[in-house]
Amino acid sequence: MRDLVRDSLAETDWKNENELVCGVITMVYDHEVTGLTEKLTELEHGANQNIYTTIHMHLNPEICMEIIAVEGKLGDLKHLSDDIGSIKGVQRCKLTMASKTTGHMHYIGLRKD
């Protein structure tokens, strides 16, 4: 019940695209898809003002997970997450954010099946 109330409160934080937030983008992808790693690298380098660090994990011989710590305007982070999620070979992409002013958390996810 507490989490539902917090999620409801957080919804108001996410209406302002200029709200300063921090969080993580978590993605799962097939690194064997031709050109995928190059596209991800190019996209991440283009958003380097919002990216603080990345963690790369191998889930199995083909599938990787990457966690990207981000900070910036909500609109910019949503755009980055959407761009990552739209690349062929990215199986899952989820932006989890925390408001820097209230601490409320929220996530926006894209699931491809």
C-alpha atoms as a PDB file:
ATOM      1  CA  MET A   1       0.000   0.000   0.000  1.00  0.00           C
ATOM      2  CA  ARG A   2       2.850   2.353   0.882  1.00  0.00           C
ATOM      3  CA  ASP A   3       4.480   1.796  -2.524  1.00  0.00           C
ATOM      4  CA  LEU A   4       1.214   2.556  -4.333  1.00  0.00           C
ATOM      5  CA  VAL A   5       0.914   5.876  -2.491  1.00  0.00           C
ATOM      6  CA  ARG A   6       4.547   6.730  -3.280  1.00  0.00           C
ATOM      7  CA  ASP A   7       4.063   5.835  -6.941  1.00  0.00           C
ATOM      8  CA  SER A   8       1.017   8.079  -7.084  1.00  0.00           C
ATOM      9  CA  LEU A   9       2.961  10.976  -5.550  1.00  0.00           C
ATOM     10  CA  ALA A  10       5.844  10.371  -7.936  1.00  0.00           C
ATOM     11  CA  GLU A  11       3.557  10.708 -10.966  1.00  0.00           C
ATOM     12  CA  THR A  12       3.353  14.476 -10.401  1.00  0.00           C
ATOM     13  CA  ASP A  13       7.161  14.744 -10.470  1.00  0.00           C
ATOM     14  CA  TRP A  14       7.298  13.158 -13.922  1.00  0.00           C
ATOM     15  CA  LYS A  15       5.009  15.627 -15.687  1.00  0.00           C
ATOM     16  CA  ASN A  16       7.664  18.349 -15.879  1.00  0.00           C
ATOM     17  CA  GLU A  17      10.120  17.442 -18.643  1.00  0.00           C
ATOM     18  CA  ASN A  18      12.620  19.960 -17.190  1.00  0.00           C
ATOM     19  CA  GLU A  19      12.643  18.323 -13.738  1.00  0.00           C
ATOM     20  CA  LEU A  20      16.200  17.410 -12.723  1.00  0.00           C
ATOM     21  CA  VAL A  21      16.317  13.684 -11.966  1.00  0.00           C
ATOM     22  CA  CYS A  22      18.872  10.944 -11.548  1.00  0.00           C
ATOM     23  CA  GLY A  23      18.564   7.235 -12.053  1.00  0.00           C
ATOM     24  CA  VAL A  24      19.583   4.240 -14.108  1.00  0.00           C
ATOM     25  CA  ILE A  25      18.820   2.879 -17.528  1.00  0.00           C
ATOM     26  CA  THR A  26      18.910  -0.912 -17.478  1.00  0.00           C
ATOM     27  CA  MET A  27      19.035  -2.733 -20.782  1.00  0.00           C
ATOM     28  CA  VAL A  28      19.341  -6.327 -21.910  1.00  0.00           C
ATOM     29  CA  TYR A  29      20.583  -6.939 -25.419  1.00  0.00           C
ATOM     30  CA  ASP A  30      21.945  -9.513 -27.835  1.00  0.00           C
ATOM     31  CA  HIS A  31      25.510  -8.425 -28.573  1.00  0.00           C
ATOM     32  CA  GLU A  32      25.628 -10.696 -31.623  1.00  0.00           C
ATOM     33  CA  VAL A  33      23.219  -8.449 -33.556  1.00  0.00           C
ATOM     34  CA  THR A  34      25.297  -6.818 -36.285  1.00  0.00           C
ATOM     35  CA  GLY A  35      26.149  -3.191 -35.548  1.00  0.00           C
ATOM     36  CA  LEU A  36      24.365  -3.079 -32.190  1.00  0.00           C
ATOM     37  CA  THR A  37      27.375  -2.398 -29.986  1.00  0.00           C
ATOM     38  CA  GLU A  38      28.558   0.363 -32.326  1.00  0.00           C
ATOM     39  CA  LYS A  39      25.118   2.020 -32.248  1.00  0.00           C
ATOM     40  CA  LEU A  40      24.977   1.825 -28.452  1.00  0.00           C
ATOM     41  CA  THR A  41      28.472   3.287 -28.120  1.00  0.00           C
ATOM     42  CA  GLU A  42      27.645   6.141 -30.493  1.00  0.00           C
ATOM     43  CA  LEU A  43      24.408   6.907 -28.653  1.00  0.00           C
ATOM     44  CA  GLU A  44      26.073   6.821 -25.234  1.00  0.00           C
ATOM     45  CA  HIS A  45      28.930   9.064 -26.364  1.00  0.00           C
ATOM     46  CA  GLY A  46      26.382  11.529 -27.733  1.00  0.00           C
ATOM     47  CA  ALA A  47      24.718  11.702 -24.304  1.00  0.00           C
ATOM     48  CA  ASN A  48      27.911  11.821 -22.242  1.00  0.00           C
ATOM     49  CA  GLN A  49      26.717  14.960 -20.406  1.00  0.00           C
ATOM     50  CA  ASN A  50      23.954  12.804 -18.832  1.00  0.00           C
ATOM     51  CA  ILE A  51      25.907   9.556 -18.278  1.00  0.00           C
ATOM     52  CA  TYR A  52      28.078   9.087 -15.212  1.00  0.00           C
ATOM     53  CA  THR A  53      29.088   5.458 -15.482  1.00  0.00           C
ATOM     54  CA  THR A  54      28.102   2.119 -16.980  1.00  0.00           C
ATOM     55  CA  ILE A  55      28.266  -1.448 -15.724  1.00  0.00           C
ATOM     56  CA  HIS A  56      28.406  -4.237 -18.285  1.00  0.00           C
ATOM     57  CA  MET A  57      27.525  -7.852 -17.432  1.00  0.00           C
ATOM     58  CA  HIS A  58      27.499 -11.015 -19.523  1.00  0.00           C
ATOM     59  CA  LEU A  59      24.322 -12.991 -18.797  1.00  0.00           C
ATOM     60  CA  ASN A  60      25.214 -15.814 -21.182  1.00  0.00           C
ATOM     61  CA  PRO A  61      27.382 -16.167 -24.317  1.00  0.00           C
ATOM     62  CA  GLU A  62      25.006 -14.012 -26.423  1.00  0.00           C
ATOM     63  CA  ILE A  63      23.069 -11.793 -24.017  1.00  0.00           C
ATOM     64  CA  CYS A  64      24.472  -8.833 -22.070  1.00  0.00           C
ATOM     65  CA  MET A  65      23.034  -6.474 -19.507  1.00  0.00           C
ATOM     66  CA  GLU A  66      24.183  -2.890 -19.170  1.00  0.00           C
ATOM     67  CA  ILE A  67      23.322  -0.507 -16.355  1.00  0.00           C
ATOM     68  CA  ILE A  68      23.865   3.187 -17.096  1.00  0.00           C
ATOM     69  CA  ALA A  69      23.861   5.728 -14.236  1.00  0.00           C
ATOM     70  CA  VAL A  70      22.304   8.957 -15.537  1.00  0.00           C
ATOM     71  CA  GLU A  71      21.406  12.453 -14.376  1.00  0.00           C
ATOM     72  CA  GLY A  72      19.742  15.349 -16.143  1.00  0.00           C
ATOM     73  CA  LYS A  73      16.437  16.731 -17.311  1.00  0.00           C
ATOM     74  CA  LEU A  74      13.629  14.204 -17.303  1.00  0.00           C
ATOM     75  CA  GLY A  75      12.883  14.810 -20.985  1.00  0.00           C
ATOM     76  CA  ASP A  76      16.497  14.181 -21.986  1.00  0.00           C
ATOM     77  CA  LEU A  77      16.684  10.922 -20.016  1.00  0.00           C
ATOM     78  CA  LYS A  78      13.357   9.676 -21.405  1.00  0.00           C
ATOM     79  CA  HIS A  79      14.603  10.456 -24.912  1.00  0.00           C
ATOM     80  CA  LEU A  80      17.885   8.600 -24.293  1.00  0.00           C
ATOM     81  CA  SER A  81      16.065   5.573 -22.894  1.00  0.00           C
ATOM     82  CA  ASP A  82      13.614   5.546 -25.818  1.00  0.00           C
ATOM     83  CA  ASP A  83      16.494   5.787 -28.314  1.00  0.00           C
ATOM     84  CA  ILE A  84      18.307   2.873 -26.672  1.00  0.00           C
ATOM     85  CA  GLY A  85      15.143   0.770 -26.515  1.00  0.00           C
ATOM     86  CA  SER A  86      14.400   1.317 -30.192  1.00  0.00           C
ATOM     87  CA  ILE A  87      17.686  -0.168 -31.434  1.00  0.00           C
ATOM     88  CA  LYS A  88      17.343  -3.586 -33.052  1.00  0.00           C
ATOM     89  CA  GLY A  89      18.762  -6.217 -30.696  1.00  0.00           C
ATOM     90  CA  VAL A  90      17.856  -4.416 -27.451  1.00  0.00           C
ATOM     91  CA  GLN A  91      15.427  -6.812 -25.824  1.00  0.00           C
ATOM     92  CA  ARG A  92      14.567  -4.784 -22.759  1.00  0.00           C
ATOM     93  CA  CYS A  93      15.155  -1.187 -21.727  1.00  0.00           C
ATOM     94  CA  LYS A  94      13.941   0.403 -18.503  1.00  0.00           C
ATOM     95  CA  LEU A  95      14.530   3.878 -17.063  1.00  0.00           C
ATOM     96  CA  THR A  96      14.243   4.046 -13.272  1.00  0.00           C
ATOM     97  CA  MET A  97      14.421   7.553 -11.879  1.00  0.00           C
ATOM     98  CA  ALA A  98      14.528   9.328  -8.550  1.00  0.00           C
ATOM     99  CA  SER A  99      13.563  12.961  -8.100  1.00  0.00           C
ATOM    100  CA  LYS A 100      16.498  14.940  -6.741  1.00  0.00           C
ATOM    101  CA  THR A 101      14.125  17.168  -4.767  1.00  0.00           C
ATOM    102  CA  THR A 102      11.659  14.643  -3.284  1.00  0.00           C
ATOM    103  CA  GLY A 103      13.375  11.257  -3.590  1.00  0.00           C
ATOM    104  CA  HIS A 104      10.273   9.778  -5.252  1.00  0.00           C
ATOM    105  CA  MET A 105      11.091   6.921  -7.608  1.00  0.00           C
ATOM    106  CA  HIS A 106       9.410   5.921 -10.836  1.00  0.00           C
ATOM    107  CA  TYR A 107      10.231   3.807 -13.859  1.00  0.00           C
ATOM    108  CA  ILE A 108       9.406   3.849 -17.515  1.00  0.00           C
ATOM    109  CA  GLY A 109      10.007   0.598 -19.318  1.00  0.00           C
ATOM    110  CA  LEU A 110       9.955  -0.788 -22.776  1.00  0.00           C
ATOM    111  CA  ARG A 111       9.640  -4.517 -23.213  1.00  0.00           C
ATOM    112  CA  LYS A 112      10.116  -6.210 -26.534  1.00  0.00           C
ATOM    113  CA  ASP A 113       8.952  -9.776 -26.921  1.00  0.00           C
END
